[in-house]
Amino acid sequence: MKTPSQADMEPRKPGRPRSDEARRAILDSTFALLNEVGFNELSMEGIAAQAGVSKATVYRWWPNKAVLVIDAFLRAVEPELHFTHSEPTLQSIRAQMTRLVNMFVGPLGRTIAAVIGAGQSEPEMLEAFREHWLAVRRLEARELVRNAQAAGEIRPDIPPDTILDMLYGALYFRLLVRHAPLSGDFVEDIFRLITPGMIYQSTSRPARLPE
């Protein structure tokens, strides 16, 4: 007769497998419904029904649909949003911007635009976008730029946030206004115009600004 192991004899922790399963179901349902009805028609009630959970369960983890939608997308695309550290900084940023553009021309772009649009009249939506999407991306990008400035790849007298706004602001402008297409060629144009202002053009370097 087999003797039960210590693990077999220990009581199982209640709730965790079900909680993980419920979270996955909610995120999967959110992603599916987004493609079906779009962000504006999406509701927490509909997500709960699709996932087979109560609305209270959804609200236990996500305060509003913007946070939930962003989490659902991040679960699918986050690996593509990270920067590589095996190449020069500007090349890494350009490659990441190109991947971001490829995402922006699909469902992710429509959803991000809808969240930003909703945020103009619903502040909690804009806060969700800033906290759960933008802040995380900016933290990694800002650190990359600072390291490049310390290594002499990028001029140290330009604030990192200014550099990031100049590079990424153009992408979000086209995403929201839609007056012209987003494409890899547009990313190349941005770099061709902005890069000369970010790097040293001669052996004489400007003095580092005080911290």
N, C-alpha and C. Protein backbone atom coordinates (compact mmCIF):
# COMPACT_ATOMS: atom_id res chain seq x y z
N MET A 1 0.84 -1.19 0.00
CA MET A 1 0.00 0.00 0.00
C MET A 1 0.88 1.25 0.00
N LYS A 2 0.58 2.21 -0.89
CA LYS A 2 1.40 3.40 -1.02
C LYS A 2 1.20 4.33 0.17
N THR A 3 2.33 4.76 0.75
CA THR A 3 2.27 5.68 1.87
C THR A 3 2.12 7.11 1.34
N PRO A 4 1.16 7.85 1.84
CA PRO A 4 0.98 9.22 1.35
C PRO A 4 2.18 10.09 1.68
N SER A 5 2.57 10.92 0.72
CA SER A 5 3.70 11.82 0.94
C SER A 5 3.27 12.98 1.81
N GLN A 6 4.28 13.77 2.24
CA GLN A 6 3.99 14.95 3.05
C GLN A 6 3.10 15.93 2.28
N ALA A 7 3.37 16.07 0.96
CA ALA A 7 2.57 16.98 0.14
C ALA A 7 1.13 16.52 0.06
N ASP A 8 0.94 15.19 -0.02
CA ASP A 8 -0.42 14.66 -0.07
C ASP A 8 -1.18 14.93 1.22
N MET A 9 -0.46 14.89 2.34
CA MET A 9 -1.10 15.04 3.63
C MET A 9 -1.40 16.50 3.97
N GLU A 10 -0.67 17.45 3.32
CA GLU A 10 -0.91 18.85 3.61
C GLU A 10 -2.22 19.31 2.99
N PRO A 11 -2.98 20.10 3.73
CA PRO A 11 -4.26 20.58 3.17
C PRO A 11 -4.02 21.50 1.99
N ARG A 12 -4.86 21.42 0.99
CA ARG A 12 -4.76 22.28 -0.18
C ARG A 12 -5.21 23.69 0.19
N LYS A 13 -4.53 24.65 -0.37
CA LYS A 13 -4.94 26.03 -0.14
C LYS A 13 -6.21 26.30 -0.91
N PRO A 14 -7.22 26.75 -0.22
CA PRO A 14 -8.50 26.96 -0.91
C PRO A 14 -8.45 28.16 -1.84
N GLY A 15 -9.15 28.06 -2.95
CA GLY A 15 -9.42 29.22 -3.78
C GLY A 15 -8.41 29.52 -4.86
N ARG A 16 -7.13 29.24 -4.66
CA ARG A 16 -6.13 29.72 -5.60
C ARG A 16 -6.33 29.16 -7.01
N PRO A 17 -6.44 27.82 -7.21
CA PRO A 17 -6.63 27.33 -8.58
C PRO A 17 -7.86 27.95 -9.23
N ARG A 18 -8.95 28.07 -8.48
CA ARG A 18 -10.16 28.66 -9.05
C ARG A 18 -9.94 30.14 -9.38
N SER A 19 -9.23 30.85 -8.50
CA SER A 19 -8.98 32.26 -8.75
C SER A 19 -8.16 32.46 -10.01
N ASP A 20 -7.09 31.67 -10.17
CA ASP A 20 -6.27 31.77 -11.36
C ASP A 20 -7.08 31.44 -12.61
N GLU A 21 -7.91 30.41 -12.50
CA GLU A 21 -8.73 30.02 -13.63
C GLU A 21 -9.74 31.11 -13.98
N ALA A 22 -10.32 31.73 -12.96
CA ALA A 22 -11.28 32.80 -13.19
C ALA A 22 -10.62 34.01 -13.84
N ARG A 23 -9.43 34.36 -13.37
CA ARG A 23 -8.71 35.49 -13.96
C ARG A 23 -8.42 35.25 -15.44
N ARG A 24 -7.96 34.04 -15.74
CA ARG A 24 -7.67 33.71 -17.15
C ARG A 24 -8.94 33.79 -17.98
N ALA A 25 -10.03 33.28 -17.44
CA ALA A 25 -11.29 33.30 -18.18
C ALA A 25 -11.75 34.73 -18.43
N ILE A 26 -11.57 35.60 -17.45
CA ILE A 26 -11.99 37.00 -17.60
C ILE A 26 -11.13 37.70 -18.66
N LEU A 27 -9.83 37.49 -18.60
CA LEU A 27 -8.94 38.12 -19.57
C LEU A 27 -9.21 37.59 -20.98
N ASP A 28 -9.41 36.29 -21.11
CA ASP A 28 -9.73 35.70 -22.42
C ASP A 28 -11.05 36.24 -22.96
N SER A 29 -12.03 36.35 -22.09
CA SER A 29 -13.35 36.85 -22.50
C SER A 29 -13.27 38.31 -22.92
N THR A 30 -12.48 39.08 -22.18
CA THR A 30 -12.31 40.49 -22.53
C THR A 30 -11.70 40.63 -23.92
N PHE A 31 -10.67 39.86 -24.18
CA PHE A 31 -10.01 39.92 -25.48
C PHE A 31 -10.96 39.53 -26.60
N ALA A 32 -11.74 38.47 -26.38
CA ALA A 32 -12.68 38.00 -27.40
C ALA A 32 -13.78 39.02 -27.65
N LEU A 33 -14.35 39.57 -26.59
CA LEU A 33 -15.44 40.53 -26.75
C LEU A 33 -14.97 41.83 -27.39
N LEU A 34 -13.74 42.23 -27.12
CA LEU A 34 -13.21 43.43 -27.75
C LEU A 34 -13.23 43.30 -29.26
N ASN A 35 -12.80 42.15 -29.75
CA ASN A 35 -12.79 41.93 -31.19
C ASN A 35 -14.20 41.85 -31.76
N GLU A 36 -15.15 41.49 -30.90
CA GLU A 36 -16.53 41.31 -31.36
C GLU A 36 -17.33 42.61 -31.31
N VAL A 37 -17.23 43.36 -30.21
CA VAL A 37 -18.11 44.52 -30.05
C VAL A 37 -17.34 45.85 -29.96
N GLY A 38 -16.03 45.81 -29.73
CA GLY A 38 -15.27 47.03 -29.59
C GLY A 38 -15.30 47.58 -28.17
N PHE A 39 -14.41 48.52 -27.89
CA PHE A 39 -14.25 49.04 -26.53
C PHE A 39 -15.49 49.76 -26.03
N ASN A 40 -16.08 50.60 -26.88
CA ASN A 40 -17.20 51.43 -26.42
C ASN A 40 -18.41 50.61 -26.01
N GLU A 41 -18.64 49.50 -26.69
CA GLU A 41 -19.79 48.65 -26.37
C GLU A 41 -19.48 47.58 -25.34
N LEU A 42 -18.23 47.47 -24.98
CA LEU A 42 -17.83 46.47 -23.99
C LEU A 42 -18.33 46.86 -22.62
N SER A 43 -18.79 45.89 -21.84
CA SER A 43 -19.27 46.17 -20.49
C SER A 43 -18.73 45.12 -19.53
N MET A 44 -18.58 45.52 -18.29
CA MET A 44 -18.13 44.58 -17.26
C MET A 44 -19.15 43.46 -17.09
N GLU A 45 -20.43 43.78 -17.25
CA GLU A 45 -21.47 42.75 -17.14
C GLU A 45 -21.32 41.71 -18.25
N GLY A 46 -21.06 42.19 -19.46
CA GLY A 46 -20.90 41.26 -20.58
C GLY A 46 -19.67 40.39 -20.42
N ILE A 47 -18.59 40.98 -19.92
CA ILE A 47 -17.37 40.20 -19.68
C ILE A 47 -17.63 39.12 -18.64
N ALA A 48 -18.31 39.50 -17.55
CA ALA A 48 -18.60 38.53 -16.49
C ALA A 48 -19.44 37.38 -17.02
N ALA A 49 -20.46 37.70 -17.82
CA ALA A 49 -21.32 36.65 -18.38
C ALA A 49 -20.53 35.73 -19.29
N GLN A 50 -19.67 36.31 -20.13
CA GLN A 50 -18.87 35.51 -21.07
C GLN A 50 -17.91 34.60 -20.32
N ALA A 51 -17.35 35.11 -19.22
CA ALA A 51 -16.36 34.34 -18.46
C ALA A 51 -17.00 33.36 -17.49
N GLY A 52 -18.31 33.48 -17.27
CA GLY A 52 -18.99 32.59 -16.34
C GLY A 52 -18.70 32.90 -14.89
N VAL A 53 -18.51 34.20 -14.59
CA VAL A 53 -18.26 34.61 -13.21
C VAL A 53 -19.23 35.73 -12.87
N SER A 54 -19.25 36.12 -11.61
CA SER A 54 -20.11 37.24 -11.21
C SER A 54 -19.44 38.57 -11.53
N LYS A 55 -20.22 39.61 -11.65
CA LYS A 55 -19.67 40.94 -11.89
C LYS A 55 -18.78 41.36 -10.71
N ALA A 56 -19.16 40.94 -9.51
CA ALA A 56 -18.35 41.27 -8.33
C ALA A 56 -16.96 40.67 -8.43
N THR A 57 -16.86 39.48 -9.03
CA THR A 57 -15.56 38.84 -9.22
C THR A 57 -14.69 39.67 -10.14
N VAL A 58 -15.26 40.19 -11.21
CA VAL A 58 -14.50 41.03 -12.13
C VAL A 58 -14.01 42.28 -11.42
N TYR A 59 -14.90 42.95 -10.70
CA TYR A 59 -14.53 44.18 -10.02
C TYR A 59 -13.56 43.95 -8.86
N ARG A 60 -13.45 42.72 -8.39
CA ARG A 60 -12.51 42.42 -7.32
C ARG A 60 -11.08 42.69 -7.78
N TRP A 61 -10.79 42.45 -9.07
CA TRP A 61 -9.44 42.60 -9.58
C TRP A 61 -9.24 43.83 -10.47
N TRP A 62 -10.32 44.32 -11.09
CA TRP A 62 -10.19 45.45 -12.01
C TRP A 62 -11.24 46.50 -11.70
N PRO A 63 -10.83 47.76 -11.42
CA PRO A 63 -11.79 48.79 -11.01
C PRO A 63 -12.67 49.30 -12.14
N ASN A 64 -12.20 49.17 -13.39
CA ASN A 64 -13.00 49.62 -14.52
C ASN A 64 -12.54 48.86 -15.77
N LYS A 65 -13.29 49.03 -16.84
CA LYS A 65 -13.00 48.22 -18.03
C LYS A 65 -11.71 48.65 -18.73
N ALA A 66 -11.28 49.90 -18.55
CA ALA A 66 -10.03 50.33 -19.17
C ALA A 66 -8.85 49.54 -18.61
N VAL A 67 -8.79 49.41 -17.29
CA VAL A 67 -7.72 48.64 -16.66
C VAL A 67 -7.77 47.19 -17.13
N LEU A 68 -8.96 46.63 -17.17
CA LEU A 68 -9.13 45.23 -17.58
C LEU A 68 -8.71 45.04 -19.04
N VAL A 69 -9.11 45.95 -19.90
CA VAL A 69 -8.76 45.84 -21.32
C VAL A 69 -7.25 45.93 -21.51
N ILE A 70 -6.61 46.87 -20.83
CA ILE A 70 -5.16 47.01 -20.95
C ILE A 70 -4.45 45.76 -20.46
N ASP A 71 -4.91 45.21 -19.33
CA ASP A 71 -4.31 43.96 -18.83
C ASP A 71 -4.49 42.82 -19.80
N ALA A 72 -5.65 42.75 -20.44
CA ALA A 72 -5.90 41.69 -21.41
C ALA A 72 -4.95 41.79 -22.59
N PHE A 73 -4.72 43.01 -23.07
CA PHE A 73 -3.79 43.19 -24.18
C PHE A 73 -2.35 42.93 -23.76
N LEU A 74 -1.99 43.40 -22.58
CA LEU A 74 -0.62 43.20 -22.12
C LEU A 74 -0.30 41.72 -21.98
N ARG A 75 -1.27 40.95 -21.57
CA ARG A 75 -1.07 39.50 -21.45
C ARG A 75 -0.68 38.90 -22.80
N ALA A 76 -1.20 39.49 -23.88
CA ALA A 76 -0.96 38.93 -25.21
C ALA A 76 0.28 39.53 -25.88
N VAL A 77 0.55 40.82 -25.63
CA VAL A 77 1.57 41.49 -26.44
C VAL A 77 2.77 42.01 -25.65
N GLU A 78 2.78 41.89 -24.34
CA GLU A 78 3.84 42.53 -23.55
C GLU A 78 5.25 42.15 -23.99
N PRO A 79 5.55 40.88 -24.31
CA PRO A 79 6.92 40.57 -24.74
C PRO A 79 7.39 41.43 -25.91
N GLU A 80 6.47 41.81 -26.79
CA GLU A 80 6.84 42.61 -27.95
C GLU A 80 7.12 44.07 -27.59
N LEU A 81 6.72 44.48 -26.40
CA LEU A 81 6.85 45.89 -26.03
C LEU A 81 8.17 46.20 -25.33
N HIS A 82 8.91 45.17 -24.94
CA HIS A 82 10.16 45.40 -24.23
C HIS A 82 11.27 45.80 -25.20
N PHE A 83 12.27 46.46 -24.66
CA PHE A 83 13.43 46.87 -25.46
C PHE A 83 14.51 45.80 -25.39
N THR A 84 15.27 45.69 -26.45
CA THR A 84 16.42 44.80 -26.43
C THR A 84 17.61 45.57 -25.90
N HIS A 85 18.55 44.86 -25.30
CA HIS A 85 19.71 45.52 -24.71
C HIS A 85 21.00 45.01 -25.34
N SER A 86 20.88 44.36 -26.49
CA SER A 86 22.05 43.80 -27.16
C SER A 86 22.48 44.63 -28.36
N GLU A 87 21.91 45.82 -28.53
CA GLU A 87 22.25 46.69 -29.65
C GLU A 87 22.26 48.12 -29.17
N PRO A 88 22.80 49.05 -29.96
CA PRO A 88 22.81 50.46 -29.55
C PRO A 88 21.41 50.96 -29.20
N THR A 89 21.37 51.89 -28.27
CA THR A 89 20.10 52.34 -27.71
C THR A 89 19.13 52.84 -28.78
N LEU A 90 19.57 53.69 -29.68
CA LEU A 90 18.67 54.25 -30.68
C LEU A 90 18.12 53.17 -31.60
N GLN A 91 18.92 52.17 -31.91
CA GLN A 91 18.43 51.05 -32.72
C GLN A 91 17.38 50.26 -31.96
N SER A 92 17.61 50.07 -30.66
CA SER A 92 16.64 49.34 -29.84
C SER A 92 15.32 50.09 -29.77
N ILE A 93 15.38 51.41 -29.59
CA ILE A 93 14.15 52.21 -29.54
C ILE A 93 13.43 52.18 -30.88
N ARG A 94 14.18 52.30 -31.96
CA ARG A 94 13.56 52.30 -33.29
C ARG A 94 12.87 50.96 -33.55
N ALA A 95 13.52 49.86 -33.18
CA ALA A 95 12.91 48.54 -33.38
C ALA A 95 11.64 48.39 -32.54
N GLN A 96 11.68 48.88 -31.30
CA GLN A 96 10.49 48.79 -30.45
C GLN A 96 9.37 49.66 -30.99
N MET A 97 9.69 50.84 -31.49
CA MET A 97 8.67 51.71 -32.07
C MET A 97 8.03 51.06 -33.30
N THR A 98 8.83 50.36 -34.09
CA THR A 98 8.30 49.67 -35.26
C THR A 98 7.34 48.57 -34.85
N ARG A 99 7.69 47.82 -33.81
CA ARG A 99 6.79 46.77 -33.32
C ARG A 99 5.50 47.39 -32.77
N LEU A 100 5.64 48.53 -32.09
CA LEU A 100 4.47 49.21 -31.53
C LEU A 100 3.54 49.69 -32.65
N VAL A 101 4.10 50.23 -33.71
CA VAL A 101 3.29 50.67 -34.85
C VAL A 101 2.53 49.50 -35.44
N ASN A 102 3.19 48.35 -35.56
CA ASN A 102 2.51 47.17 -36.11
C ASN A 102 1.33 46.76 -35.24
N MET A 103 1.42 46.97 -33.94
CA MET A 103 0.31 46.69 -33.04
C MET A 103 -0.77 47.76 -33.14
N PHE A 104 -0.35 49.01 -33.30
CA PHE A 104 -1.29 50.12 -33.35
C PHE A 104 -2.21 50.08 -34.57
N VAL A 105 -1.78 49.43 -35.64
CA VAL A 105 -2.64 49.38 -36.83
C VAL A 105 -3.71 48.29 -36.71
N GLY A 106 -3.71 47.55 -35.60
CA GLY A 106 -4.69 46.49 -35.38
C GLY A 106 -5.62 46.82 -34.22
N PRO A 107 -6.20 45.78 -33.63
CA PRO A 107 -7.16 45.99 -32.53
C PRO A 107 -6.59 46.75 -31.34
N LEU A 108 -5.31 46.55 -31.04
CA LEU A 108 -4.71 47.27 -29.92
C LEU A 108 -4.79 48.78 -30.13
N GLY A 109 -4.47 49.22 -31.34
CA GLY A 109 -4.50 50.65 -31.63
C GLY A 109 -5.89 51.23 -31.48
N ARG A 110 -6.89 50.52 -31.99
CA ARG A 110 -8.27 51.01 -31.87
C ARG A 110 -8.68 51.11 -30.41
N THR A 111 -8.25 50.14 -29.61
CA THR A 111 -8.62 50.15 -28.20
C THR A 111 -7.91 51.26 -27.45
N ILE A 112 -6.61 51.44 -27.68
CA ILE A 112 -5.87 52.51 -27.02
C ILE A 112 -6.48 53.86 -27.37
N ALA A 113 -6.82 54.06 -28.64
CA ALA A 113 -7.43 55.32 -29.06
C ALA A 113 -8.78 55.53 -28.36
N ALA A 114 -9.55 54.45 -28.23
CA ALA A 114 -10.85 54.55 -27.56
C ALA A 114 -10.69 54.87 -26.08
N VAL A 115 -9.70 54.26 -25.43
CA VAL A 115 -9.47 54.54 -24.01
C VAL A 115 -9.06 55.99 -23.81
N ILE A 116 -8.15 56.49 -24.64
CA ILE A 116 -7.73 57.89 -24.53
C ILE A 116 -8.91 58.82 -24.81
N GLY A 117 -9.72 58.48 -25.81
CA GLY A 117 -10.88 59.30 -26.12
C GLY A 117 -11.87 59.32 -24.98
N ALA A 118 -12.15 58.15 -24.39
CA ALA A 118 -13.07 58.09 -23.26
C ALA A 118 -12.53 58.84 -22.06
N GLY A 119 -11.20 58.90 -21.97
CA GLY A 119 -10.58 59.57 -20.84
C GLY A 119 -10.77 61.07 -20.82
N GLN A 120 -11.17 61.65 -21.95
CA GLN A 120 -11.39 63.09 -21.98
C GLN A 120 -12.61 63.49 -21.16
N SER A 121 -13.57 62.58 -21.03
CA SER A 121 -14.75 62.88 -20.22
C SER A 121 -14.85 61.99 -18.98
N GLU A 122 -14.04 60.92 -18.94
CA GLU A 122 -14.03 60.01 -17.79
C GLU A 122 -12.59 59.92 -17.28
N PRO A 123 -12.22 60.74 -16.31
CA PRO A 123 -10.83 60.81 -15.85
C PRO A 123 -10.25 59.46 -15.41
N GLU A 124 -11.10 58.58 -14.88
CA GLU A 124 -10.57 57.30 -14.42
C GLU A 124 -10.06 56.45 -15.58
N MET A 125 -10.62 56.65 -16.77
CA MET A 125 -10.14 55.93 -17.94
C MET A 125 -8.73 56.39 -18.33
N LEU A 126 -8.53 57.72 -18.32
CA LEU A 126 -7.23 58.26 -18.66
C LEU A 126 -6.20 57.89 -17.62
N GLU A 127 -6.60 57.88 -16.36
CA GLU A 127 -5.70 57.46 -15.29
C GLU A 127 -5.30 56.00 -15.46
N ALA A 128 -6.25 55.16 -15.85
CA ALA A 128 -5.95 53.75 -16.09
C ALA A 128 -4.93 53.61 -17.21
N PHE A 129 -5.10 54.39 -18.27
CA PHE A 129 -4.16 54.35 -19.39
C PHE A 129 -2.77 54.78 -18.93
N ARG A 130 -2.69 55.88 -18.20
CA ARG A 130 -1.39 56.38 -17.77
C ARG A 130 -0.69 55.40 -16.83
N GLU A 131 -1.47 54.85 -15.88
CA GLU A 131 -0.86 54.01 -14.85
C GLU A 131 -0.53 52.61 -15.35
N HIS A 132 -1.42 52.01 -16.11
CA HIS A 132 -1.26 50.60 -16.47
C HIS A 132 -0.60 50.38 -17.84
N TRP A 133 -0.61 51.39 -18.68
CA TRP A 133 0.02 51.24 -19.99
C TRP A 133 1.24 52.16 -20.11
N LEU A 134 1.03 53.45 -19.98
CA LEU A 134 2.09 54.41 -20.29
C LEU A 134 3.21 54.39 -19.27
N ALA A 135 2.89 54.40 -17.98
CA ALA A 135 3.92 54.52 -16.95
C ALA A 135 4.92 53.38 -17.00
N VAL A 136 4.44 52.17 -17.21
CA VAL A 136 5.33 51.00 -17.26
C VAL A 136 6.25 51.09 -18.47
N ARG A 137 5.68 51.46 -19.62
CA ARG A 137 6.49 51.59 -20.83
C ARG A 137 7.53 52.70 -20.66
N ARG A 138 7.11 53.83 -20.08
CA ARG A 138 8.02 54.97 -19.93
C ARG A 138 9.15 54.67 -18.95
N LEU A 139 8.86 53.92 -17.92
CA LEU A 139 9.88 53.61 -16.93
C LEU A 139 11.05 52.87 -17.58
N GLU A 140 10.74 51.87 -18.39
CA GLU A 140 11.79 51.11 -19.06
C GLU A 140 12.52 51.97 -20.09
N ALA A 141 11.76 52.75 -20.87
CA ALA A 141 12.36 53.59 -21.90
C ALA A 141 13.22 54.69 -21.29
N ARG A 142 12.77 55.29 -20.20
CA ARG A 142 13.52 56.36 -19.55
C ARG A 142 14.85 55.84 -19.03
N GLU A 143 14.84 54.64 -18.46
CA GLU A 143 16.08 54.06 -17.95
C GLU A 143 17.04 53.77 -19.10
N LEU A 144 16.51 53.33 -20.22
CA LEU A 144 17.34 53.06 -21.40
C LEU A 144 18.01 54.34 -21.89
N VAL A 145 17.25 55.42 -21.96
CA VAL A 145 17.80 56.70 -22.42
C VAL A 145 18.85 57.22 -21.44
N ARG A 146 18.57 57.12 -20.15
CA ARG A 146 19.54 57.60 -19.16
C ARG A 146 20.85 56.84 -19.25
N ASN A 147 20.78 55.53 -19.44
CA ASN A 147 22.00 54.74 -19.59
C ASN A 147 22.76 55.15 -20.84
N ALA A 148 22.03 55.44 -21.91
CA ALA A 148 22.67 55.87 -23.16
C ALA A 148 23.32 57.24 -22.98
N GLN A 149 22.70 58.11 -22.20
CA GLN A 149 23.30 59.41 -21.94
C GLN A 149 24.57 59.27 -21.11
N ALA A 150 24.54 58.37 -20.13
CA ALA A 150 25.72 58.15 -19.31
C ALA A 150 26.86 57.56 -20.13
N ALA A 151 26.53 56.78 -21.16
CA ALA A 151 27.54 56.14 -22.00
C ALA A 151 27.99 57.03 -23.16
N GLY A 152 27.36 58.20 -23.30
CA GLY A 152 27.75 59.12 -24.36
C GLY A 152 27.07 58.85 -25.70
N GLU A 153 26.09 57.95 -25.75
CA GLU A 153 25.37 57.68 -27.00
C GLU A 153 24.39 58.80 -27.33
N ILE A 154 23.83 59.40 -26.30
CA ILE A 154 22.83 60.46 -26.46
C ILE A 154 23.26 61.65 -25.63
N ARG A 155 23.03 62.85 -26.12
CA ARG A 155 23.39 64.06 -25.39
C ARG A 155 22.75 64.06 -23.99
N PRO A 156 23.52 64.40 -22.97
CA PRO A 156 22.99 64.38 -21.60
C PRO A 156 22.23 65.63 -21.22
N ASP A 157 22.22 66.65 -22.10
CA ASP A 157 21.59 67.91 -21.73
C ASP A 157 20.13 67.99 -22.16
N ILE A 158 19.56 66.87 -22.62
CA ILE A 158 18.15 66.82 -23.00
C ILE A 158 17.44 65.89 -22.02
N PRO A 159 16.37 66.34 -21.35
CA PRO A 159 15.66 65.45 -20.42
C PRO A 159 15.14 64.21 -21.14
N PRO A 160 15.29 63.04 -20.54
CA PRO A 160 14.81 61.81 -21.18
C PRO A 160 13.34 61.86 -21.57
N ASP A 161 12.49 62.49 -20.75
CA ASP A 161 11.07 62.55 -21.09
C ASP A 161 10.82 63.39 -22.33
N THR A 162 11.65 64.41 -22.54
CA THR A 162 11.52 65.20 -23.76
C THR A 162 11.85 64.36 -24.98
N ILE A 163 12.90 63.58 -24.89
CA ILE A 163 13.28 62.69 -25.99
C ILE A 163 12.15 61.71 -26.29
N LEU A 164 11.59 61.11 -25.26
CA LEU A 164 10.53 60.12 -25.48
C LEU A 164 9.28 60.76 -26.05
N ASP A 165 8.95 61.96 -25.59
CA ASP A 165 7.77 62.64 -26.13
C ASP A 165 7.96 62.97 -27.61
N MET A 166 9.17 63.38 -27.98
CA MET A 166 9.44 63.70 -29.37
C MET A 166 9.34 62.47 -30.26
N LEU A 167 9.80 61.34 -29.76
CA LEU A 167 9.78 60.11 -30.55
C LEU A 167 8.38 59.49 -30.61
N TYR A 168 7.78 59.28 -29.45
CA TYR A 168 6.52 58.55 -29.39
C TYR A 168 5.29 59.43 -29.57
N GLY A 169 5.44 60.74 -29.30
CA GLY A 169 4.30 61.62 -29.45
C GLY A 169 3.74 61.61 -30.86
N ALA A 170 4.63 61.51 -31.85
CA ALA A 170 4.17 61.48 -33.24
C ALA A 170 3.33 60.25 -33.53
N LEU A 171 3.68 59.12 -32.91
CA LEU A 171 2.90 57.89 -33.12
C LEU A 171 1.50 58.05 -32.55
N TYR A 172 1.41 58.57 -31.34
CA TYR A 172 0.09 58.72 -30.71
C TYR A 172 -0.75 59.78 -31.43
N PHE A 173 -0.09 60.80 -31.99
CA PHE A 173 -0.83 61.82 -32.73
C PHE A 173 -1.52 61.19 -33.95
N ARG A 174 -0.77 60.40 -34.70
CA ARG A 174 -1.38 59.75 -35.87
C ARG A 174 -2.42 58.70 -35.46
N LEU A 175 -2.17 58.04 -34.33
CA LEU A 175 -3.12 57.05 -33.84
C LEU A 175 -4.47 57.70 -33.54
N LEU A 176 -4.45 58.88 -32.96
CA LEU A 176 -5.67 59.54 -32.52
C LEU A 176 -6.33 60.35 -33.62
N VAL A 177 -5.55 61.08 -34.39
CA VAL A 177 -6.12 61.98 -35.39
C VAL A 177 -6.41 61.25 -36.71
N ARG A 178 -5.58 60.26 -37.02
CA ARG A 178 -5.78 59.41 -38.21
C ARG A 178 -5.76 60.21 -39.52
N HIS A 179 -4.97 61.24 -39.55
CA HIS A 179 -4.86 62.04 -40.77
C HIS A 179 -3.89 61.44 -41.78
N ALA A 180 -3.06 60.50 -41.29
CA ALA A 180 -2.08 59.84 -42.13
C ALA A 180 -1.79 58.47 -41.52
N PRO A 181 -1.31 57.53 -42.33
CA PRO A 181 -1.13 56.17 -41.81
C PRO A 181 0.08 56.02 -40.89
N LEU A 182 -0.02 55.06 -40.00
CA LEU A 182 1.12 54.64 -39.20
C LEU A 182 1.83 53.52 -39.95
N SER A 183 3.15 53.61 -40.00
CA SER A 183 3.90 52.60 -40.74
C SER A 183 5.35 52.60 -40.29
N GLY A 184 6.06 51.58 -40.71
CA GLY A 184 7.49 51.53 -40.43
C GLY A 184 8.23 52.67 -41.10
N ASP A 185 7.78 53.09 -42.27
CA ASP A 185 8.42 54.22 -42.95
C ASP A 185 8.29 55.50 -42.12
N PHE A 186 7.16 55.65 -41.45
CA PHE A 186 6.97 56.83 -40.60
C PHE A 186 7.97 56.82 -39.45
N VAL A 187 8.21 55.65 -38.86
CA VAL A 187 9.21 55.53 -37.80
C VAL A 187 10.58 55.95 -38.33
N GLU A 188 10.93 55.50 -39.53
CA GLU A 188 12.21 55.88 -40.12
C GLU A 188 12.31 57.38 -40.33
N ASP A 189 11.21 58.00 -40.77
CA ASP A 189 11.20 59.45 -40.95
C ASP A 189 11.43 60.17 -39.63
N ILE A 190 10.78 59.69 -38.58
CA ILE A 190 10.95 60.29 -37.26
C ILE A 190 12.41 60.27 -36.84
N PHE A 191 13.04 59.11 -37.02
CA PHE A 191 14.44 58.99 -36.60
C PHE A 191 15.37 59.82 -37.46
N ARG A 192 15.09 59.90 -38.75
CA ARG A 192 15.94 60.69 -39.63
C ARG A 192 15.90 62.17 -39.26
N LEU A 193 14.76 62.63 -38.78
CA LEU A 193 14.61 64.04 -38.42
C LEU A 193 15.10 64.35 -37.01
N ILE A 194 14.85 63.44 -36.06
CA ILE A 194 15.09 63.74 -34.65
C ILE A 194 16.46 63.31 -34.16
N THR A 195 16.98 62.21 -34.71
CA THR A 195 18.25 61.69 -34.22
C THR A 195 19.38 62.70 -34.25
N PRO A 196 19.55 63.51 -35.30
CA PRO A 196 20.66 64.48 -35.29
C PRO A 196 20.64 65.41 -34.09
N GLY A 197 19.48 65.69 -33.55
CA GLY A 197 19.41 66.56 -32.39
C GLY A 197 19.70 65.85 -31.09
N MET A 198 19.76 64.52 -31.11
CA MET A 198 19.97 63.75 -29.88
C MET A 198 21.41 63.31 -29.71
N ILE A 199 22.21 63.38 -30.77
CA ILE A 199 23.59 62.90 -30.69
C ILE A 199 24.54 64.05 -30.95
N TYR A 200 25.80 63.85 -30.59
CA TYR A 200 26.80 64.88 -30.79
C TYR A 200 27.15 64.98 -32.27
N GLN A 201 27.22 66.20 -32.76
CA GLN A 201 27.53 66.41 -34.17
C GLN A 201 28.99 66.77 -34.41
N SER A 202 29.74 66.96 -33.34
CA SER A 202 31.16 67.27 -33.48
C SER A 202 31.88 66.78 -32.24
N THR A 203 33.18 66.98 -32.21
CA THR A 203 33.96 66.54 -31.05
C THR A 203 33.74 67.44 -29.84
N SER A 204 33.20 68.62 -30.07
CA SER A 204 32.93 69.51 -28.95
C SER A 204 31.56 69.19 -28.36
N ARG A 205 31.55 68.78 -27.12
CA ARG A 205 30.32 68.37 -26.46
C ARG A 205 29.79 69.48 -25.58
N PRO A 206 28.48 69.67 -25.56
CA PRO A 206 27.91 70.70 -24.66
C PRO A 206 28.09 70.30 -23.20
N ALA A 207 28.18 71.29 -22.37
CA ALA A 207 28.33 71.02 -20.95
C ALA A 207 27.11 70.33 -20.40
N ARG A 208 27.34 69.40 -19.49
CA ARG A 208 26.21 68.71 -18.86
C ARG A 208 25.46 69.68 -17.96
N LEU A 209 24.16 69.70 -18.11
CA LEU A 209 23.36 70.56 -17.26
C LEU A 209 23.35 70.04 -15.83
N PRO A 210 23.23 70.91 -14.85
CA PRO A 210 23.19 70.43 -13.47
C PRO A 210 21.96 69.58 -13.21
N GLU A 211 22.09 68.63 -12.29
CA GLU A 211 20.96 67.75 -11.95
C GLU A 211 19.88 68.58 -11.30
